[in-house]
């Protein structure tokens, strides 16, 4: 019984470590891609372009999908959303979720 428990703990820890490493890689890829986004979306500096730092991952993905499928109509955002694949959108979502908004 103890051997089984030790095995479960060891494999669980290994899984969590590999997931965390993968999450880090996804975040780094998102940071790499974020330059184009950050050129316009700047912590609320422009009232007509909302900040996107601190967005929850699923909310960001769903928002981008609304631009991709035509539910939302903003020429610039439709173009950007359609130029990204799902992996890139996920990476951006993970990155922007990890960035904390600046305190005013």
Protein backbone atom coordinates (compact mmCIF):
# COMPACT_ATOMS: atom_id res chain seq x y z
CA UNK A 1 0.00 0.00 0.00
CA UNK A 2 2.80 2.43 0.84
CA UNK A 3 4.53 1.64 -2.46
CA UNK A 4 1.36 2.51 -4.35
CA UNK A 5 0.93 5.75 -2.41
CA UNK A 6 4.57 6.68 -3.03
CA UNK A 7 4.12 5.97 -6.75
CA UNK A 8 0.98 8.12 -6.93
CA UNK A 9 2.71 11.01 -5.16
CA UNK A 10 5.80 10.73 -7.37
CA UNK A 11 3.84 10.64 -10.63
CA UNK A 12 1.53 13.42 -9.46
CA UNK A 13 4.51 15.64 -8.62
CA UNK A 14 6.17 14.85 -11.96
CA UNK A 15 2.94 15.69 -13.79
CA UNK A 16 2.58 19.01 -11.95
CA UNK A 17 6.20 19.91 -12.66
CA UNK A 18 5.85 19.17 -16.39
CA UNK A 19 2.59 21.11 -16.52
CA UNK A 20 4.20 24.10 -14.80
CA UNK A 21 7.14 23.98 -17.22
CA UNK A 22 4.72 23.82 -20.15
CA UNK A 23 2.71 26.71 -18.69
CA UNK A 24 5.92 28.73 -18.47
CA UNK A 25 6.72 27.99 -22.11
CA UNK A 26 3.20 28.98 -23.17
CA UNK A 27 3.48 32.23 -21.17
CA UNK A 28 6.89 33.00 -22.70
CA UNK A 29 5.48 32.42 -26.19
CA UNK A 30 2.59 34.76 -25.35
CA UNK A 31 5.01 37.41 -24.15
CA UNK A 32 6.91 37.07 -27.42
CA UNK A 33 3.68 37.57 -29.39
CA UNK A 34 2.32 40.40 -27.22
CA UNK A 35 4.34 43.23 -28.75
CA UNK A 36 1.75 43.93 -31.42
CA UNK A 37 -1.07 43.91 -28.85
CA UNK A 38 0.78 46.14 -26.39
CA UNK A 39 1.36 48.78 -29.06
CA UNK A 40 -2.32 49.75 -28.77
CA UNK A 41 -3.54 48.21 -25.49
CA UNK A 42 -1.59 50.23 -22.91
CA UNK A 43 -2.88 50.00 -19.33
CA UNK A 44 -5.80 52.33 -20.04
CA UNK A 45 -3.69 55.18 -21.43
CA UNK A 46 -6.16 55.45 -24.32
CA UNK A 47 -9.80 55.50 -23.24
CA UNK A 48 -11.02 54.08 -26.56
CA UNK A 49 -8.69 51.06 -26.48
CA UNK A 50 -9.16 48.99 -23.31
CA UNK A 51 -6.25 47.51 -21.37
CA UNK A 52 -5.93 43.73 -21.65
CA UNK A 53 -3.48 42.99 -18.84
CA UNK A 54 -4.99 40.92 -16.07
CA UNK A 55 -7.70 39.40 -18.30
CA UNK A 56 -8.71 35.90 -17.27
CA UNK A 57 -7.50 33.24 -19.72
CA UNK A 58 -10.93 31.95 -20.78
CA UNK A 59 -12.40 35.45 -21.05
CA UNK A 60 -9.53 36.51 -23.34
CA UNK A 61 -9.91 33.40 -25.53
CA UNK A 62 -13.69 33.86 -25.79
CA UNK A 63 -13.28 37.55 -26.63
CA UNK A 64 -10.80 36.80 -29.40
CA UNK A 65 -13.14 34.14 -30.76
CA UNK A 66 -15.94 36.72 -31.04
CA UNK A 67 -13.69 38.75 -33.34
CA UNK A 68 -12.65 35.66 -35.32
CA UNK A 69 -16.23 34.54 -35.96
CA UNK A 70 -17.63 38.01 -36.71
CA UNK A 71 -19.75 38.49 -33.57
CA UNK A 72 -17.74 41.64 -32.84
CA UNK A 73 -16.92 44.14 -35.55
CA UNK A 74 -13.69 46.07 -35.14
CA UNK A 75 -11.63 46.05 -38.31
CA UNK A 76 -8.26 46.05 -36.54
CA UNK A 77 -9.23 43.38 -34.01
CA UNK A 78 -10.90 41.15 -36.60
CA UNK A 79 -7.71 41.28 -38.65
CA UNK A 80 -5.52 40.50 -35.64
CA UNK A 81 -7.76 37.70 -34.35
CA UNK A 82 -7.97 36.04 -37.76
CA UNK A 83 -4.18 36.18 -38.14
CA UNK A 84 -3.66 34.16 -34.94
CA UNK A 85 -4.17 30.43 -34.54
CA UNK A 86 -5.69 28.89 -31.40
CA UNK A 87 -2.28 28.12 -29.89
CA UNK A 88 -1.20 31.72 -30.29
CA UNK A 89 -4.43 33.04 -28.77
CA UNK A 90 -4.02 30.68 -25.81
CA UNK A 91 -0.41 31.82 -25.33
CA UNK A 92 -1.48 35.46 -25.39
CA UNK A 93 -4.28 34.71 -22.93
CA UNK A 94 -1.88 33.00 -20.52
CA UNK A 95 0.60 35.85 -20.81
CA UNK A 96 -1.89 38.70 -20.32
CA UNK A 97 -3.52 36.86 -17.39
CA UNK A 98 -0.11 36.70 -15.72
CA UNK A 99 0.54 40.45 -16.05
CA UNK A 100 -0.81 42.50 -13.18
CA UNK A 101 -2.35 45.89 -13.97
CA UNK A 102 -0.35 48.88 -12.75
CA UNK A 103 -1.65 50.63 -9.64
CA UNK A 104 -2.51 54.29 -10.19
